[in-house]
N, C-alpha and C. Protein backbone atom coordinates (compact mmCIF):
# COMPACT_ATOMS: atom_id res chain seq x y z
N MET A 1 -35.59 -39.43 -17.48
CA MET A 1 -34.40 -39.12 -18.23
C MET A 1 -34.66 -39.53 -19.67
N ASN A 2 -34.74 -38.59 -20.55
CA ASN A 2 -34.99 -38.85 -21.96
C ASN A 2 -33.71 -38.67 -22.74
N THR A 3 -33.18 -39.79 -23.26
CA THR A 3 -31.98 -39.75 -24.08
C THR A 3 -32.25 -40.45 -25.38
N SER A 4 -31.50 -40.12 -26.39
CA SER A 4 -31.68 -40.76 -27.68
C SER A 4 -30.89 -42.06 -27.80
N GLU A 5 -29.95 -42.29 -26.86
CA GLU A 5 -29.16 -43.51 -26.89
C GLU A 5 -29.91 -44.64 -26.20
N PRO A 6 -29.85 -45.85 -26.76
CA PRO A 6 -30.49 -46.98 -26.08
C PRO A 6 -29.71 -47.33 -24.81
N SER A 7 -30.42 -47.88 -23.86
CA SER A 7 -29.76 -48.27 -22.61
C SER A 7 -28.90 -49.51 -22.86
N ASP A 8 -28.08 -49.89 -21.87
CA ASP A 8 -27.24 -51.08 -21.99
C ASP A 8 -28.08 -52.32 -22.22
N ARG A 9 -29.23 -52.38 -21.58
CA ARG A 9 -30.10 -53.54 -21.73
C ARG A 9 -30.62 -53.64 -23.17
N ASP A 10 -30.94 -52.50 -23.79
CA ASP A 10 -31.43 -52.50 -25.16
C ASP A 10 -30.34 -52.88 -26.15
N ARG A 11 -29.10 -52.54 -25.86
CA ARG A 11 -27.99 -52.86 -26.76
C ARG A 11 -27.53 -54.29 -26.60
N GLY A 12 -27.90 -54.95 -25.52
CA GLY A 12 -27.47 -56.32 -25.29
C GLY A 12 -26.14 -56.40 -24.57
N GLY A 13 -25.62 -55.30 -24.14
CA GLY A 13 -24.35 -55.30 -23.44
C GLY A 13 -24.54 -55.32 -21.94
N ARG A 14 -23.43 -55.43 -21.23
CA ARG A 14 -23.49 -55.40 -19.78
C ARG A 14 -23.42 -53.95 -19.32
N PRO A 15 -24.06 -53.64 -18.22
CA PRO A 15 -24.03 -52.26 -17.73
C PRO A 15 -22.60 -51.81 -17.45
N GLY A 16 -22.28 -50.62 -17.89
CA GLY A 16 -20.96 -50.05 -17.60
C GLY A 16 -19.89 -50.46 -18.59
N ARG A 17 -20.24 -51.28 -19.54
CA ARG A 17 -19.24 -51.73 -20.52
C ARG A 17 -19.77 -51.50 -21.92
N ASP A 18 -18.96 -50.91 -22.73
CA ASP A 18 -19.30 -50.72 -24.13
C ASP A 18 -18.58 -51.81 -24.90
N SER A 19 -19.33 -52.62 -25.64
CA SER A 19 -18.71 -53.76 -26.31
C SER A 19 -17.66 -53.33 -27.32
N GLY A 20 -17.81 -52.16 -27.93
CA GLY A 20 -16.80 -51.67 -28.86
C GLY A 20 -15.49 -51.36 -28.16
N THR A 21 -15.57 -50.76 -26.98
CA THR A 21 -14.38 -50.45 -26.21
C THR A 21 -13.73 -51.73 -25.70
N GLU A 22 -14.56 -52.67 -25.27
CA GLU A 22 -14.03 -53.93 -24.75
C GLU A 22 -13.30 -54.68 -25.86
N LYS A 23 -13.85 -54.70 -27.06
CA LYS A 23 -13.21 -55.39 -28.18
C LYS A 23 -11.90 -54.69 -28.54
N LEU A 24 -11.90 -53.37 -28.53
CA LEU A 24 -10.69 -52.62 -28.83
C LEU A 24 -9.61 -52.93 -27.79
N ASN A 25 -10.00 -53.00 -26.52
CA ASN A 25 -9.03 -53.33 -25.48
C ASN A 25 -8.47 -54.74 -25.67
N TRP A 26 -9.32 -55.68 -26.10
CA TRP A 26 -8.85 -57.03 -26.33
C TRP A 26 -7.85 -57.04 -27.48
N ILE A 27 -8.14 -56.30 -28.54
CA ILE A 27 -7.23 -56.22 -29.68
C ILE A 27 -5.90 -55.59 -29.26
N ASP A 28 -5.97 -54.52 -28.47
CA ASP A 28 -4.74 -53.87 -28.00
C ASP A 28 -3.91 -54.82 -27.15
N ARG A 29 -4.56 -55.55 -26.25
CA ARG A 29 -3.83 -56.50 -25.39
C ARG A 29 -3.19 -57.59 -26.24
N ARG A 30 -3.92 -58.08 -27.25
CA ARG A 30 -3.39 -59.13 -28.13
C ARG A 30 -2.18 -58.63 -28.91
N ARG A 31 -2.29 -57.41 -29.44
CA ARG A 31 -1.16 -56.83 -30.18
C ARG A 31 0.06 -56.66 -29.28
N GLU A 32 -0.16 -56.24 -28.04
CA GLU A 32 0.95 -56.05 -27.11
C GLU A 32 1.61 -57.38 -26.78
N LYS A 33 0.81 -58.45 -26.61
CA LYS A 33 1.39 -59.77 -26.36
C LYS A 33 2.24 -60.23 -27.53
N ILE A 34 1.74 -60.02 -28.74
CA ILE A 34 2.50 -60.41 -29.93
C ILE A 34 3.78 -59.61 -30.04
N ARG A 35 3.68 -58.31 -29.80
CA ARG A 35 4.85 -57.44 -29.86
C ARG A 35 5.91 -57.88 -28.84
N ALA A 36 5.47 -58.21 -27.62
CA ALA A 36 6.40 -58.65 -26.58
C ALA A 36 7.06 -59.97 -26.95
N GLU A 37 6.28 -60.89 -27.56
CA GLU A 37 6.85 -62.17 -27.95
C GLU A 37 7.90 -61.99 -29.05
N ILE A 38 7.63 -61.12 -30.00
CA ILE A 38 8.60 -60.86 -31.07
C ILE A 38 9.88 -60.27 -30.50
N GLU A 39 9.75 -59.35 -29.53
CA GLU A 39 10.94 -58.76 -28.90
C GLU A 39 11.74 -59.82 -28.16
N ARG A 40 11.06 -60.74 -27.45
CA ARG A 40 11.77 -61.82 -26.75
C ARG A 40 12.50 -62.70 -27.74
N ASN A 41 11.86 -63.02 -28.85
CA ASN A 41 12.48 -63.88 -29.86
C ASN A 41 13.71 -63.21 -30.46
N ARG A 42 13.65 -61.92 -30.69
CA ARG A 42 14.80 -61.20 -31.26
C ARG A 42 15.96 -61.15 -30.29
N ARG A 43 15.67 -61.18 -28.99
CA ARG A 43 16.74 -61.18 -27.99
C ARG A 43 17.33 -62.57 -27.78
N GLY A 44 16.74 -63.57 -28.41
CA GLY A 44 17.26 -64.93 -28.28
C GLY A 44 16.60 -65.71 -27.16
N GLU A 45 15.47 -65.25 -26.65
CA GLU A 45 14.78 -65.94 -25.57
C GLU A 45 13.72 -66.88 -26.12
N TYR A 46 13.86 -67.30 -27.38
CA TYR A 46 12.86 -68.15 -28.00
C TYR A 46 12.91 -69.54 -27.39
N THR A 47 11.75 -70.09 -27.07
CA THR A 47 11.67 -71.46 -26.56
C THR A 47 10.72 -72.25 -27.45
N VAL A 48 11.07 -73.49 -27.68
CA VAL A 48 10.24 -74.37 -28.49
C VAL A 48 9.10 -74.88 -27.62
N PRO A 49 7.86 -74.83 -28.10
CA PRO A 49 6.73 -75.33 -27.32
C PRO A 49 6.89 -76.81 -26.98
N THR A 50 6.38 -77.22 -25.86
CA THR A 50 6.51 -78.60 -25.39
C THR A 50 5.89 -79.59 -26.36
N TRP A 51 4.76 -79.23 -26.96
CA TRP A 51 4.10 -80.17 -27.87
C TRP A 51 4.97 -80.45 -29.10
N VAL A 52 5.77 -79.47 -29.52
CA VAL A 52 6.65 -79.67 -30.67
C VAL A 52 7.77 -80.64 -30.29
N LEU A 53 8.31 -80.47 -29.10
CA LEU A 53 9.36 -81.39 -28.64
C LEU A 53 8.82 -82.80 -28.47
N ALA A 54 7.61 -82.94 -27.94
CA ALA A 54 7.00 -84.25 -27.77
C ALA A 54 6.74 -84.91 -29.13
N ALA A 55 6.26 -84.14 -30.09
CA ALA A 55 6.01 -84.69 -31.42
C ALA A 55 7.32 -85.14 -32.07
N ALA A 56 8.37 -84.37 -31.92
CA ALA A 56 9.67 -84.74 -32.49
C ALA A 56 10.18 -86.03 -31.85
N LEU A 57 10.00 -86.16 -30.55
CA LEU A 57 10.44 -87.37 -29.85
C LEU A 57 9.67 -88.59 -30.35
N VAL A 58 8.36 -88.46 -30.51
CA VAL A 58 7.54 -89.57 -31.00
C VAL A 58 7.97 -89.97 -32.42
N ILE A 59 8.26 -89.01 -33.25
CA ILE A 59 8.69 -89.30 -34.63
C ILE A 59 10.03 -90.02 -34.63
N ILE A 60 10.97 -89.54 -33.82
CA ILE A 60 12.30 -90.15 -33.77
C ILE A 60 12.22 -91.58 -33.24
N VAL A 61 11.50 -91.78 -32.14
CA VAL A 61 11.38 -93.13 -31.57
C VAL A 61 10.64 -94.05 -32.53
N GLY A 62 9.58 -93.53 -33.16
CA GLY A 62 8.83 -94.34 -34.13
C GLY A 62 9.69 -94.76 -35.31
N ALA A 63 10.49 -93.84 -35.82
CA ALA A 63 11.38 -94.16 -36.94
C ALA A 63 12.44 -95.18 -36.53
N TRP A 64 12.95 -95.03 -35.33
CA TRP A 64 13.96 -95.96 -34.82
C TRP A 64 13.37 -97.37 -34.67
N LEU A 65 12.15 -97.44 -34.09
CA LEU A 65 11.51 -98.75 -33.94
C LEU A 65 11.17 -99.37 -35.29
N ALA A 66 10.72 -98.56 -36.25
CA ALA A 66 10.41 -99.07 -37.59
C ALA A 66 11.68 -99.60 -38.25
N LEU A 67 12.77 -98.92 -38.07
CA LEU A 67 14.05 -99.37 -38.64
C LEU A 67 14.46 -100.71 -38.04
N ILE A 68 14.28 -100.85 -36.74
CA ILE A 68 14.66 -102.11 -36.08
C ILE A 68 13.79 -103.26 -36.54
N PHE A 69 12.46 -103.05 -36.58
CA PHE A 69 11.55 -104.15 -36.92
C PHE A 69 11.54 -104.47 -38.40
N LEU A 70 11.71 -103.47 -39.25
CA LEU A 70 11.70 -103.73 -40.69
C LEU A 70 13.03 -104.27 -41.20
N ALA A 71 14.12 -103.89 -40.55
CA ALA A 71 15.43 -104.35 -40.98
C ALA A 71 15.78 -105.70 -40.33
N GLY A 72 15.09 -106.04 -39.28
CA GLY A 72 15.46 -107.24 -38.53
C GLY A 72 14.69 -108.41 -38.89
């Protein structure tokens, strides 16, 4: 079989997968996830990430303890 295109092995890709198509699919999936998140946020289904809540709690408790020890 004589073709002008290099085989998958020559291109460095996996057989049956074109890296350009795979990257495009990844970009499309990422865009769809972002689009879905924006739609959820507009409907009011926004939730604050747990790490943000934990950081806020640490800051509040730290400020409270600093106030007690520095004022006392």
